[in-house]
Amino acid sequence: MSSRSAALRLLDIIDAIERIHAVLADISLEAYETDWQRQWLVERGIEIISEASRHLSDEIKARHPEIPWKKVAGIGNVLRHDYESVAAPIIWKLAQIDLQLLEHACRDELRGEVDD
């Protein structure tokens, strides 16, 4: 396992989410669906989030049962190994809605609960 701390992994997740939001700022789903470069950037950010989440402790994950941790970890496998089945509207929804909850959980951990 990597020697990166939990705090650094949480920061990696937050950074990736912020970059995803910057890439998607002020564009519609329709524009996203036709922009392969934005799709690649968003998918790379999600891969980073997925991988960083795999290195968080069970204790951190247990403090945030509202996060579907197995799905967070699993989406990276889909993007890497089953990429042809990735639908832009699903990634769009994940980026626009679902990542907000994950970002809040990571920020909560960094505000003082991280002890790993």
PDB file of N, CA and C in Angstrom:
ATOM      1  N   MET A   1       0.844  -1.187   0.000  1.00  0.00           N
ATOM      2  CA  MET A   1       0.000   0.000   0.000  1.00  0.00           C
ATOM      3  C   MET A   1       0.881   1.239   0.000  1.00  0.00           C
ATOM      4  N   SER A   2       0.392   2.279  -0.585  1.00  0.00           N
ATOM      5  CA  SER A   2       1.131   3.527  -0.704  1.00  0.00           C
ATOM      6  C   SER A   2       1.322   4.185   0.653  1.00  0.00           C
ATOM      7  N   SER A   3       2.348   5.008   0.727  1.00  0.00           N
ATOM      8  CA  SER A   3       2.625   5.707   1.970  1.00  0.00           C
ATOM      9  C   SER A   3       1.901   7.042   2.064  1.00  0.00           C
ATOM     10  N   ARG A   4       1.090   7.377   1.067  1.00  0.00           N
ATOM     11  CA  ARG A   4       0.334   8.632   1.123  1.00  0.00           C
ATOM     12  C   ARG A   4      -0.668   8.566   2.266  1.00  0.00           C
ATOM     13  N   SER A   5      -0.768   9.644   2.988  1.00  0.00           N
ATOM     14  CA  SER A   5      -1.667   9.694   4.136  1.00  0.00           C
ATOM     15  C   SER A   5      -3.119   9.797   3.688  1.00  0.00           C
ATOM     16  N   ALA A   6      -4.001   9.539   4.632  1.00  0.00           N
ATOM     17  CA  ALA A   6      -5.430   9.672   4.361  1.00  0.00           C
ATOM     18  C   ALA A   6      -5.760  11.108   3.985  1.00  0.00           C
ATOM     19  N   ALA A   7      -5.133  12.065   4.651  1.00  0.00           N
ATOM     20  CA  ALA A   7      -5.405  13.472   4.340  1.00  0.00           C
ATOM     21  C   ALA A   7      -5.036  13.784   2.894  1.00  0.00           C
ATOM     22  N   LEU A   8      -3.918  13.267   2.421  1.00  0.00           N
ATOM     23  CA  LEU A   8      -3.526  13.507   1.025  1.00  0.00           C
ATOM     24  C   LEU A   8      -4.489  12.834   0.054  1.00  0.00           C
ATOM     25  N   ARG A   9      -4.953  11.649   0.392  1.00  0.00           N
ATOM     26  CA  ARG A   9      -5.949  10.973  -0.463  1.00  0.00           C
ATOM     27  C   ARG A   9      -7.241  11.778  -0.514  1.00  0.00           C
ATOM     28  N   LEU A  10      -7.678  12.285   0.625  1.00  0.00           N
ATOM     29  CA  LEU A  10      -8.886  13.108   0.668  1.00  0.00           C
ATOM     30  C   LEU A  10      -8.703  14.376  -0.165  1.00  0.00           C
ATOM     31  N   LEU A  11      -7.523  14.973  -0.082  1.00  0.00           N
ATOM     32  CA  LEU A  11      -7.238  16.152  -0.898  1.00  0.00           C
ATOM     33  C   LEU A  11      -7.214  15.810  -2.382  1.00  0.00           C
ATOM     34  N   ASP A  12      -6.708  14.632  -2.729  1.00  0.00           N
ATOM     35  CA  ASP A  12      -6.737  14.191  -4.130  1.00  0.00           C
ATOM     36  C   ASP A  12      -8.177  14.119  -4.640  1.00  0.00           C
ATOM     37  N   ILE A  13      -9.056  13.580  -3.818  1.00  0.00           N
ATOM     38  CA  ILE A  13     -10.468  13.462  -4.195  1.00  0.00           C
ATOM     39  C   ILE A  13     -11.090  14.843  -4.373  1.00  0.00           C
ATOM     40  N   ILE A  14     -10.861  15.713  -3.411  1.00  0.00           N
ATOM     41  CA  ILE A  14     -11.424  17.069  -3.485  1.00  0.00           C
ATOM     42  C   ILE A  14     -10.886  17.809  -4.704  1.00  0.00           C
ATOM     43  N   ASP A  15      -9.588  17.700  -4.947  1.00  0.00           N
ATOM     44  CA  ASP A  15      -8.980  18.358  -6.099  1.00  0.00           C
ATOM     45  C   ASP A  15      -9.597  17.852  -7.409  1.00  0.00           C
ATOM     46  N   ALA A  16      -9.765  16.547  -7.522  1.00  0.00           N
ATOM     47  CA  ALA A  16     -10.362  15.973  -8.731  1.00  0.00           C
ATOM     48  C   ALA A  16     -11.796  16.465  -8.909  1.00  0.00           C
ATOM     49  N   ILE A  17     -12.554  16.525  -7.829  1.00  0.00           N
ATOM     50  CA  ILE A  17     -13.933  17.010  -7.911  1.00  0.00           C
ATOM     51  C   ILE A  17     -13.955  18.467  -8.340  1.00  0.00           C
ATOM     52  N   GLU A  18     -13.080  19.285  -7.772  1.00  0.00           N
ATOM     53  CA  GLU A  18     -13.029  20.695  -8.157  1.00  0.00           C
ATOM     54  C   GLU A  18     -12.672  20.847  -9.633  1.00  0.00           C
ATOM     55  N   ARG A  19     -11.741  20.028 -10.119  1.00  0.00           N
ATOM     56  CA  ARG A  19     -11.361  20.098 -11.533  1.00  0.00           C
ATOM     57  C   ARG A  19     -12.517  19.663 -12.434  1.00  0.00           C
ATOM     58  N   ILE A  20     -13.223  18.622 -12.017  1.00  0.00           N
ATOM     59  CA  ILE A  20     -14.388  18.170 -12.784  1.00  0.00           C
ATOM     60  C   ILE A  20     -15.422  19.284 -12.864  1.00  0.00           C
ATOM     61  N   HIS A  21     -15.690  19.919 -11.733  1.00  0.00           N
ATOM     62  CA  HIS A  21     -16.673  21.005 -11.738  1.00  0.00           C
ATOM     63  C   HIS A  21     -16.219  22.162 -12.620  1.00  0.00           C
ATOM     64  N   ALA A  22     -14.923  22.451 -12.635  1.00  0.00           N
ATOM     65  CA  ALA A  22     -14.407  23.521 -13.500  1.00  0.00           C
ATOM     66  C   ALA A  22     -14.589  23.166 -14.977  1.00  0.00           C
ATOM     67  N   VAL A  23     -14.347  21.909 -15.322  1.00  0.00           N
ATOM     68  CA  VAL A  23     -14.497  21.457 -16.709  1.00  0.00           C
ATOM     69  C   VAL A  23     -15.958  21.528 -17.153  1.00  0.00           C
ATOM     70  N   LEU A  24     -16.855  21.305 -16.225  1.00  0.00           N
ATOM     71  CA  LEU A  24     -18.279  21.266 -16.569  1.00  0.00           C
ATOM     72  C   LEU A  24     -19.023  22.574 -16.317  1.00  0.00           C
ATOM     73  N   ALA A  25     -18.308  23.575 -15.848  1.00  0.00           N
ATOM     74  CA  ALA A  25     -18.960  24.852 -15.526  1.00  0.00           C
ATOM     75  C   ALA A  25     -19.632  25.434 -16.768  1.00  0.00           C
ATOM     76  N   ASP A  26     -20.884  25.770 -16.603  1.00  0.00           N
ATOM     77  CA  ASP A  26     -21.642  26.496 -17.638  1.00  0.00           C
ATOM     78  C   ASP A  26     -21.799  25.757 -18.961  1.00  0.00           C
ATOM     79  N   ILE A  27     -21.786  24.422 -18.943  1.00  0.00           N
ATOM     80  CA  ILE A  27     -22.118  23.714 -20.180  1.00  0.00           C
ATOM     81  C   ILE A  27     -23.282  22.771 -19.902  1.00  0.00           C
ATOM     82  N   SER A  28     -24.040  22.537 -20.925  1.00  0.00           N
ATOM     83  CA  SER A  28     -25.207  21.664 -20.813  1.00  0.00           C
ATOM     84  C   SER A  28     -24.800  20.210 -21.031  1.00  0.00           C
ATOM     85  N   LEU A  29     -25.707  19.317 -20.687  1.00  0.00           N
ATOM     86  CA  LEU A  29     -25.497  17.899 -20.968  1.00  0.00           C
ATOM     87  C   LEU A  29     -25.293  17.695 -22.464  1.00  0.00           C
ATOM     88  N   GLU A  30     -26.078  18.371 -23.274  1.00  0.00           N
ATOM     89  CA  GLU A  30     -25.970  18.226 -24.724  1.00  0.00           C
ATOM     90  C   GLU A  30     -24.579  18.631 -25.211  1.00  0.00           C
ATOM     91  N   ALA A  31     -24.048  19.720 -24.679  1.00  0.00           N
ATOM     92  CA  ALA A  31     -22.700  20.158 -25.057  1.00  0.00           C
ATOM     93  C   ALA A  31     -21.655  19.159 -24.578  1.00  0.00           C
ATOM     94  N   TYR A  32     -21.843  18.640 -23.385  1.00  0.00           N
ATOM     95  CA  TYR A  32     -20.923  17.640 -22.839  1.00  0.00           C
ATOM     96  C   TYR A  32     -20.903  16.382 -23.709  1.00  0.00           C
ATOM     97  N   GLU A  33     -22.076  15.940 -24.131  1.00  0.00           N
ATOM     98  CA  GLU A  33     -22.178  14.720 -24.933  1.00  0.00           C
ATOM     99  C   GLU A  33     -21.427  14.818 -26.261  1.00  0.00           C
ATOM    100  N   THR A  34     -21.255  15.992 -26.775  1.00  0.00           N
ATOM    101  CA  THR A  34     -20.569  16.151 -28.061  1.00  0.00           C
ATOM    102  C   THR A  34     -19.114  16.594 -27.908  1.00  0.00           C
ATOM    103  N   ASP A  35     -18.628  16.718 -26.697  1.00  0.00           N
ATOM    104  CA  ASP A  35     -17.266  17.215 -26.449  1.00  0.00           C
ATOM    105  C   ASP A  35     -16.412  16.097 -25.842  1.00  0.00           C
ATOM    106  N   TRP A  36     -15.748  15.340 -26.706  1.00  0.00           N
ATOM    107  CA  TRP A  36     -14.973  14.190 -26.242  1.00  0.00           C
ATOM    108  C   TRP A  36     -13.840  14.602 -25.318  1.00  0.00           C
ATOM    109  N   GLN A  37     -13.291  15.798 -25.497  1.00  0.00           N
ATOM    110  CA  GLN A  37     -12.192  16.232 -24.638  1.00  0.00           C
ATOM    111  C   GLN A  37     -12.665  16.445 -23.209  1.00  0.00           C
ATOM    112  N   ARG A  38     -13.794  17.068 -23.034  1.00  0.00           N
ATOM    113  CA  ARG A  38     -14.343  17.233 -21.680  1.00  0.00           C
ATOM    114  C   ARG A  38     -14.696  15.874 -21.080  1.00  0.00           C
ATOM    115  N   GLN A  39     -15.249  15.000 -21.896  1.00  0.00           N
ATOM    116  CA  GLN A  39     -15.589  13.676 -21.386  1.00  0.00           C
ATOM    117  C   GLN A  39     -14.335  12.966 -20.856  1.00  0.00           C
ATOM    118  N   TRP A  40     -13.258  13.035 -21.609  1.00  0.00           N
ATOM    119  CA  TRP A  40     -12.015  12.390 -21.174  1.00  0.00           C
ATOM    120  C   TRP A  40     -11.500  13.008 -19.881  1.00  0.00           C
ATOM    121  N   LEU A  41     -11.541  14.325 -19.771  1.00  0.00           N
ATOM    122  CA  LEU A  41     -11.074  14.994 -18.565  1.00  0.00           C
ATOM    123  C   LEU A  41     -11.910  14.590 -17.351  1.00  0.00           C
ATOM    124  N   VAL A  42     -13.213  14.577 -17.518  1.00  0.00           N
ATOM    125  CA  VAL A  42     -14.094  14.196 -16.413  1.00  0.00           C
ATOM    126  C   VAL A  42     -13.862  12.737 -16.030  1.00  0.00           C
ATOM    127  N   GLU A  43     -13.761  11.876 -17.019  1.00  0.00           N
ATOM    128  CA  GLU A  43     -13.541  10.458 -16.727  1.00  0.00           C
ATOM    129  C   GLU A  43     -12.199  10.242 -16.022  1.00  0.00           C
ATOM    130  N   ARG A  44     -11.165  10.982 -16.403  1.00  0.00           N
ATOM    131  CA  ARG A  44      -9.869  10.863 -15.719  1.00  0.00           C
ATOM    132  C   ARG A  44     -10.000  11.309 -14.267  1.00  0.00           C
ATOM    133  N   GLY A  45     -10.718  12.385 -14.028  1.00  0.00           N
ATOM    134  CA  GLY A  45     -10.952  12.838 -12.658  1.00  0.00           C
ATOM    135  C   GLY A  45     -11.677  11.787 -11.839  1.00  0.00           C
ATOM    136  N   ILE A  46     -12.651  11.134 -12.433  1.00  0.00           N
ATOM    137  CA  ILE A  46     -13.398  10.090 -11.728  1.00  0.00           C
ATOM    138  C   ILE A  46     -12.496   8.887 -11.447  1.00  0.00           C
ATOM    139  N   GLU A  47     -11.608   8.564 -12.380  1.00  0.00           N
ATOM    140  CA  GLU A  47     -10.649   7.479 -12.131  1.00  0.00           C
ATOM    141  C   GLU A  47      -9.770   7.799 -10.926  1.00  0.00           C
ATOM    142  N   ILE A  48      -9.311   9.038 -10.819  1.00  0.00           N
ATOM    143  CA  ILE A  48      -8.476   9.447  -9.680  1.00  0.00           C
ATOM    144  C   ILE A  48      -9.267   9.337  -8.389  1.00  0.00           C
ATOM    145  N   ILE A  49     -10.491   9.804  -8.406  1.00  0.00           N
ATOM    146  CA  ILE A  49     -11.355   9.704  -7.225  1.00  0.00           C
ATOM    147  C   ILE A  49     -11.516   8.245  -6.824  1.00  0.00           C
ATOM    148  N   SER A  50     -11.795   7.403  -7.793  1.00  0.00           N
ATOM    149  CA  SER A  50     -11.979   5.979  -7.537  1.00  0.00           C
ATOM    150  C   SER A  50     -10.746   5.374  -6.883  1.00  0.00           C
ATOM    151  N   GLU A  51      -9.592   5.634  -7.459  1.00  0.00           N
ATOM    152  CA  GLU A  51      -8.359   5.048  -6.933  1.00  0.00           C
ATOM    153  C   GLU A  51      -8.034   5.591  -5.544  1.00  0.00           C
ATOM    154  N   ALA A  52      -8.178   6.884  -5.338  1.00  0.00           N
ATOM    155  CA  ALA A  52      -7.895   7.469  -4.021  1.00  0.00           C
ATOM    156  C   ALA A  52      -8.828   6.884  -2.969  1.00  0.00           C
ATOM    157  N   SER A  53     -10.085   6.651  -3.337  1.00  0.00           N
ATOM    158  CA  SER A  53     -11.053   6.115  -2.366  1.00  0.00           C
ATOM    159  C   SER A  53     -10.668   4.715  -1.896  1.00  0.00           C
ATOM    160  N   ARG A  54     -10.016   3.965  -2.752  1.00  0.00           N
ATOM    161  CA  ARG A  54      -9.611   2.604  -2.401  1.00  0.00           C
ATOM    162  C   ARG A  54      -8.581   2.580  -1.274  1.00  0.00           C
ATOM    163  N   HIS A  55      -7.887   3.685  -1.084  1.00  0.00           N
ATOM    164  CA  HIS A  55      -6.831   3.750  -0.081  1.00  0.00           C
ATOM    165  C   HIS A  55      -7.275   4.389   1.230  1.00  0.00           C
ATOM    166  N   LEU A  56      -8.540   4.766   1.321  1.00  0.00           N
ATOM    167  CA  LEU A  56      -9.051   5.311   2.575  1.00  0.00           C
ATOM    168  C   LEU A  56      -9.358   4.163   3.536  1.00  0.00           C
ATOM    169  N   SER A  57      -9.188   4.436   4.797  1.00  0.00           N
ATOM    170  CA  SER A  57      -9.393   3.396   5.806  1.00  0.00           C
ATOM    171  C   SER A  57     -10.870   3.041   5.954  1.00  0.00           C
ATOM    172  N   ASP A  58     -11.098   1.856   6.481  1.00  0.00           N
ATOM    173  CA  ASP A  58     -12.466   1.424   6.779  1.00  0.00           C
ATOM    174  C   ASP A  58     -13.110   2.347   7.806  1.00  0.00           C
ATOM    175  N   GLU A  59     -12.315   2.907   8.702  1.00  0.00           N
ATOM    176  CA  GLU A  59     -12.844   3.819   9.722  1.00  0.00           C
ATOM    177  C   GLU A  59     -13.408   5.088   9.079  1.00  0.00           C
ATOM    178  N   ILE A  60     -12.667   5.644   8.137  1.00  0.00           N
ATOM    179  CA  ILE A  60     -13.166   6.841   7.437  1.00  0.00           C
ATOM    180  C   ILE A  60     -14.448   6.501   6.705  1.00  0.00           C
ATOM    181  N   LYS A  61     -14.455   5.399   5.996  1.00  0.00           N
ATOM    182  CA  LYS A  61     -15.645   5.005   5.242  1.00  0.00           C
ATOM    183  C   LYS A  61     -16.827   4.752   6.164  1.00  0.00           C
ATOM    184  N   ALA A  62     -16.583   4.170   7.314  1.00  0.00           N
ATOM    185  CA  ALA A  62     -17.663   3.882   8.263  1.00  0.00           C
ATOM    186  C   ALA A  62     -18.286   5.170   8.807  1.00  0.00           C
ATOM    187  N   ARG A  63     -17.492   6.227   8.900  1.00  0.00           N
ATOM    188  CA  ARG A  63     -18.027   7.511   9.388  1.00  0.00           C
ATOM    189  C   ARG A  63     -18.928   8.180   8.355  1.00  0.00           C
ATOM    190  N   HIS A  64     -18.919   7.668   7.136  1.00  0.00           N
ATOM    191  CA  HIS A  64     -19.722   8.272   6.061  1.00  0.00           C
ATOM    192  C   HIS A  64     -20.499   7.194   5.303  1.00  0.00           C
ATOM    193  N   PRO A  65     -21.439   6.563   5.988  1.00  0.00           N
ATOM    194  CA  PRO A  65     -22.202   5.480   5.348  1.00  0.00           C
ATOM    195  C   PRO A  65     -23.101   5.971   4.216  1.00  0.00           C
ATOM    196  N   GLU A  66     -23.283   7.279   4.109  1.00  0.00           N
ATOM    197  CA  GLU A  66     -24.100   7.830   3.022  1.00  0.00           C
ATOM    198  C   GLU A  66     -23.387   7.754   1.671  1.00  0.00           C
ATOM    199  N   ILE A  67     -22.098   7.483   1.701  1.00  0.00           N
ATOM    200  CA  ILE A  67     -21.314   7.363   0.471  1.00  0.00           C
ATOM    201  C   ILE A  67     -21.296   5.898   0.036  1.00  0.00           C
ATOM    202  N   PRO A  68     -21.652   5.604  -1.194  1.00  0.00           N
ATOM    203  CA  PRO A  68     -21.585   4.217  -1.679  1.00  0.00           C
ATOM    204  C   PRO A  68     -20.134   3.869  -2.078  1.00  0.00           C
ATOM    205  N   TRP A  69     -19.304   3.596  -1.076  1.00  0.00           N
ATOM    206  CA  TRP A  69     -17.863   3.436  -1.277  1.00  0.00           C
ATOM    207  C   TRP A  69     -17.518   2.364  -2.307  1.00  0.00           C
ATOM    208  N   LYS A  70     -18.256   1.273  -2.320  1.00  0.00           N
ATOM    209  CA  LYS A  70     -17.959   0.225  -3.306  1.00  0.00           C
ATOM    210  C   LYS A  70     -18.211   0.724  -4.726  1.00  0.00           C
ATOM    211  N   LYS A  71     -19.241   1.525  -4.899  1.00  0.00           N
ATOM    212  CA  LYS A  71     -19.523   2.094  -6.217  1.00  0.00           C
ATOM    213  C   LYS A  71     -18.475   3.135  -6.603  1.00  0.00           C
ATOM    214  N   VAL A  72     -18.028   3.912  -5.617  1.00  0.00           N
ATOM    215  CA  VAL A  72     -16.985   4.907  -5.888  1.00  0.00           C
ATOM    216  C   VAL A  72     -15.727   4.197  -6.383  1.00  0.00           C
ATOM    217  N   ALA A  73     -15.345   3.137  -5.707  1.00  0.00           N
ATOM    218  CA  ALA A  73     -14.166   2.363  -6.120  1.00  0.00           C
ATOM    219  C   ALA A  73     -14.427   1.659  -7.454  1.00  0.00           C
ATOM    220  N   GLY A  74     -15.617   1.133  -7.630  1.00  0.00           N
ATOM    221  CA  GLY A  74     -15.931   0.341  -8.811  1.00  0.00           C
ATOM    222  C   GLY A  74     -16.036   1.116 -10.108  1.00  0.00           C
ATOM    223  N   ILE A  75     -16.398   2.395 -10.042  1.00  0.00           N
ATOM    224  CA  ILE A  75     -16.549   3.161 -11.282  1.00  0.00           C
ATOM    225  C   ILE A  75     -15.223   3.270 -12.031  1.00  0.00           C
ATOM    226  N   GLY A  76     -14.126   3.266 -11.299  1.00  0.00           N
ATOM    227  CA  GLY A  76     -12.818   3.301 -11.956  1.00  0.00           C
ATOM    228  C   GLY A  76     -12.591   2.079 -12.820  1.00  0.00           C
ATOM    229  N   ASN A  77     -13.006   0.921 -12.333  1.00  0.00           N
ATOM    230  CA  ASN A  77     -12.880  -0.304 -13.124  1.00  0.00           C
ATOM    231  C   ASN A  77     -13.722  -0.233 -14.386  1.00  0.00           C
ATOM    232  N   VAL A  78     -14.903   0.323 -14.269  1.00  0.00           N
ATOM    233  CA  VAL A  78     -15.767   0.465 -15.447  1.00  0.00           C
ATOM    234  C   VAL A  78     -15.095   1.372 -16.474  1.00  0.00           C
ATOM    235  N   LEU A  79     -14.573   2.492 -16.012  1.00  0.00           N
ATOM    236  CA  LEU A  79     -13.944   3.438 -16.936  1.00  0.00           C
ATOM    237  C   LEU A  79     -12.696   2.855 -17.591  1.00  0.00           C
ATOM    238  N   ARG A  80     -11.966   2.020 -16.861  1.00  0.00           N
ATOM    239  CA  ARG A  80     -10.740   1.445 -17.407  1.00  0.00           C
ATOM    240  C   ARG A  80     -10.986   0.216 -18.274  1.00  0.00           C
ATOM    241  N   HIS A  81     -11.934  -0.618 -17.875  1.00  0.00           N
ATOM    242  CA  HIS A  81     -12.073  -1.924 -18.513  1.00  0.00           C
ATOM    243  C   HIS A  81     -13.333  -2.108 -19.350  1.00  0.00           C
ATOM    244  N   ASP A  82     -14.326  -1.274 -19.111  1.00  0.00           N
ATOM    245  CA  ASP A  82     -15.591  -1.407 -19.835  1.00  0.00           C
ATOM    246  C   ASP A  82     -15.980  -0.043 -20.418  1.00  0.00           C
ATOM    247  N   TYR A  83     -14.971   0.681 -20.861  1.00  0.00           N
ATOM    248  CA  TYR A  83     -15.134   2.075 -21.284  1.00  0.00           C
ATOM    249  C   TYR A  83     -16.150   2.258 -22.401  1.00  0.00           C
ATOM    250  N   GLU A  84     -16.315   1.243 -23.261  1.00  0.00           N
ATOM    251  CA  GLU A  84     -17.256   1.402 -24.374  1.00  0.00           C
ATOM    252  C   GLU A  84     -18.711   1.456 -23.911  1.00  0.00           C
ATOM    253  N   SER A  85     -18.963   1.045 -22.684  1.00  0.00           N
ATOM    254  CA  SER A  85     -20.336   1.064 -22.182  1.00  0.00           C
ATOM    255  C   SER A  85     -20.646   2.306 -21.351  1.00  0.00           C
ATOM    256  N   VAL A  86     -19.696   3.206 -21.230  1.00  0.00           N
ATOM    257  CA  VAL A  86     -19.899   4.407 -20.423  1.00  0.00           C
ATOM    258  C   VAL A  86     -20.822   5.370 -21.164  1.00  0.00           C
ATOM    259  N   ALA A  87     -21.887   5.765 -20.502  1.00  0.00           N
ATOM    260  CA  ALA A  87     -22.863   6.679 -21.101  1.00  0.00           C
ATOM    261  C   ALA A  87     -22.642   8.087 -20.551  1.00  0.00           C
ATOM    262  N   ALA A  88     -22.515   9.037 -21.441  1.00  0.00           N
ATOM    263  CA  ALA A  88     -22.271  10.423 -21.039  1.00  0.00           C
ATOM    264  C   ALA A  88     -23.313  10.945 -20.039  1.00  0.00           C
ATOM    265  N   PRO A  89     -24.610  10.671 -20.203  1.00  0.00           N
ATOM    266  CA  PRO A  89     -25.573  11.181 -19.224  1.00  0.00           C
ATOM    267  C   PRO A  89     -25.354  10.630 -17.808  1.00  0.00           C
ATOM    268  N   ILE A  90     -24.886   9.409 -17.699  1.00  0.00           N
ATOM    269  CA  ILE A  90     -24.637   8.833 -16.371  1.00  0.00           C
ATOM    270  C   ILE A  90     -23.441   9.523 -15.722  1.00  0.00           C
ATOM    271  N   ILE A  91     -22.377   9.712 -16.488  1.00  0.00           N
ATOM    272  CA  ILE A  91     -21.199  10.407 -15.959  1.00  0.00           C
ATOM    273  C   ILE A  91     -21.556  11.850 -15.618  1.00  0.00           C
ATOM    274  N   TRP A  92     -22.360  12.476 -16.451  1.00  0.00           N
ATOM    275  CA  TRP A  92     -22.814  13.848 -16.209  1.00  0.00           C
ATOM    276  C   TRP A  92     -23.544  13.945 -14.871  1.00  0.00           C
ATOM    277  N   LYS A  93     -24.504  13.048 -14.646  1.00  0.00           N
ATOM    278  CA  LYS A  93     -25.255  13.058 -13.385  1.00  0.00           C
ATOM    279  C   LYS A  93     -24.317  12.831 -12.209  1.00  0.00           C
ATOM    280  N   LEU A  94     -23.433  11.864 -12.339  1.00  0.00           N
ATOM    281  CA  LEU A  94     -22.484  11.580 -11.268  1.00  0.00           C
ATOM    282  C   LEU A  94     -21.675  12.844 -10.948  1.00  0.00           C
ATOM    283  N   ALA A  95     -21.182  13.510 -11.985  1.00  0.00           N
ATOM    284  CA  ALA A  95     -20.344  14.695 -11.791  1.00  0.00           C
ATOM    285  C   ALA A  95     -21.127  15.872 -11.232  1.00  0.00           C
ATOM    286  N   GLN A  96     -22.333  16.062 -11.702  1.00  0.00           N
ATOM    287  CA  GLN A  96     -23.115  17.237 -11.305  1.00  0.00           C
ATOM    288  C   GLN A  96     -23.804  17.075  -9.950  1.00  0.00           C
ATOM    289  N   ILE A  97     -24.165  15.860  -9.594  1.00  0.00           N
ATOM    290  CA  ILE A  97     -24.973  15.652  -8.387  1.00  0.00           C
ATOM    291  C   ILE A  97     -24.254  14.793  -7.352  1.00  0.00           C
ATOM    292  N   ASP A  98     -23.855  13.602  -7.748  1.00  0.00           N
ATOM    293  CA  ASP A  98     -23.343  12.620  -6.789  1.00  0.00           C
ATOM    294  C   ASP A  98     -22.016  13.025  -6.151  1.00  0.00           C
ATOM    295  N   LEU A  99     -21.152  13.699  -6.880  1.00  0.00           N
ATOM    296  CA  LEU A  99     -19.848  14.051  -6.332  1.00  0.00           C
ATOM    297  C   LEU A  99     -19.924  15.089  -5.223  1.00  0.00           C
ATOM    298  N   GLN A 100     -21.007  15.852  -5.169  1.00  0.00           N
ATOM    299  CA  GLN A 100     -21.159  16.855  -4.117  1.00  0.00           C
ATOM    300  C   GLN A 100     -21.180  16.206  -2.732  1.00  0.00           C
ATOM    301  N   LEU A 101     -21.885  15.111  -2.601  1.00  0.00           N
ATOM    302  CA  LEU A 101     -21.956  14.406  -1.321  1.00  0.00           C
ATOM    303  C   LEU A 101     -20.586  13.873  -0.919  1.00  0.00           C
ATOM    304  N   LEU A 102     -19.859  13.330  -1.868  1.00  0.00           N
ATOM    305  CA  LEU A 102     -18.515  12.828  -1.596  1.00  0.00           C
ATOM    306  C   LEU A 102     -17.580  13.968  -1.201  1.00  0.00           C
ATOM    307  N   GLU A 103     -17.676  15.074  -1.890  1.00  0.00           N
ATOM    308  CA  GLU A 103     -16.829  16.224  -1.549  1.00  0.00           C
ATOM    309  C   GLU A 103     -17.096  16.690  -0.118  1.00  0.00           C
ATOM    310  N   HIS A 104     -18.349  16.764   0.269  1.00  0.00           N
ATOM    311  CA  HIS A 104     -18.696  17.178   1.636  1.00  0.00           C
ATOM    312  C   HIS A 104     -18.121  16.209   2.667  1.00  0.00           C
ATOM    313  N   ALA A 105     -18.220  14.929   2.401  1.00  0.00           N
ATOM    314  CA  ALA A 105     -17.677  13.928   3.339  1.00  0.00           C
ATOM    315  C   ALA A 105     -16.166  14.084   3.471  1.00  0.00           C
ATOM    316  N   CYS A 106     -15.478  14.298   2.365  1.00  0.00           N
ATOM    317  CA  CYS A 106     -14.018  14.466   2.408  1.00  0.00           C
ATOM    318  C   CYS A 106     -13.639  15.730   3.163  1.00  0.00           C
ATOM    319  N   ARG A 107     -14.357  16.794   2.918  1.00  0.00           N
ATOM    320  CA  ARG A 107     -14.069  18.047   3.634  1.00  0.00           C
ATOM    321  C   ARG A 107     -14.347  17.903   5.126  1.00  0.00           C
ATOM    322  N   ASP A 108     -15.404  17.187   5.482  1.00  0.00           N
ATOM    323  CA  ASP A 108     -15.693  16.937   6.902  1.00  0.00           C
ATOM    324  C   ASP A 108     -14.531  16.196   7.556  1.00  0.00           C
ATOM    325  N   GLU A 109     -14.002  15.202   6.876  1.00  0.00           N
ATOM    326  CA  GLU A 109     -12.857  14.458   7.409  1.00  0.00           C
ATOM    327  C   GLU A 109     -11.658  15.372   7.618  1.00  0.00           C
ATOM    328  N   LEU A 110     -11.399  16.237   6.672  1.00  0.00           N
ATOM    329  CA  LEU A 110     -10.232  17.119   6.775  1.00  0.00           C
ATOM    330  C   LEU A 110     -10.386  18.190   7.846  1.00  0.00           C
ATOM    331  N   ARG A 111     -11.619  18.482   8.225  1.00  0.00           N
ATOM    332  CA  ARG A 111     -11.844  19.484   9.264  1.00  0.00           C
ATOM    333  C   ARG A 111     -11.500  18.985  10.655  1.00  0.00           C
ATOM    334  N   GLY A 112     -11.077  17.741  10.765  1.00  0.00           N
ATOM    335  CA  GLY A 112     -10.675  17.334  12.094  1.00  0.00           C
ATOM    336  C   GLY A 112     -10.886  15.893  12.443  1.00  0.00           C
ATOM    337  N   GLU A 113     -11.554  15.158  11.615  1.00  0.00           N
ATOM    338  CA  GLU A 113     -11.827  13.780  11.976  1.00  0.00           C
ATOM    339  C   GLU A 113     -10.761  12.816  11.489  1.00  0.00           C
ATOM    340  N   VAL A 114      -9.845  13.272  10.633  1.00  0.00           N
ATOM    341  CA  VAL A 114      -8.821  12.361  10.094  1.00  0.00           C
ATOM    342  C   VAL A 114      -7.788  12.067  11.161  1.00  0.00           C
ATOM    343  N   ASP A 115      -7.627  10.794  11.445  1.00  0.00           N
ATOM    344  CA  ASP A 115      -6.610  10.391  12.417  1.00  0.00           C
ATOM    345  C   ASP A 115      -5.766   9.238  11.894  1.00  0.00           C
ATOM    346  N   ASP A 116      -5.886   8.980  10.590  1.00  0.00           N
ATOM    347  CA  ASP A 116      -5.105   7.887   9.987  1.00  0.00           C
ATOM    348  C   ASP A 116      -3.795   8.425   9.444  1.00  0.00           C
TER     349      ASP A 116
END
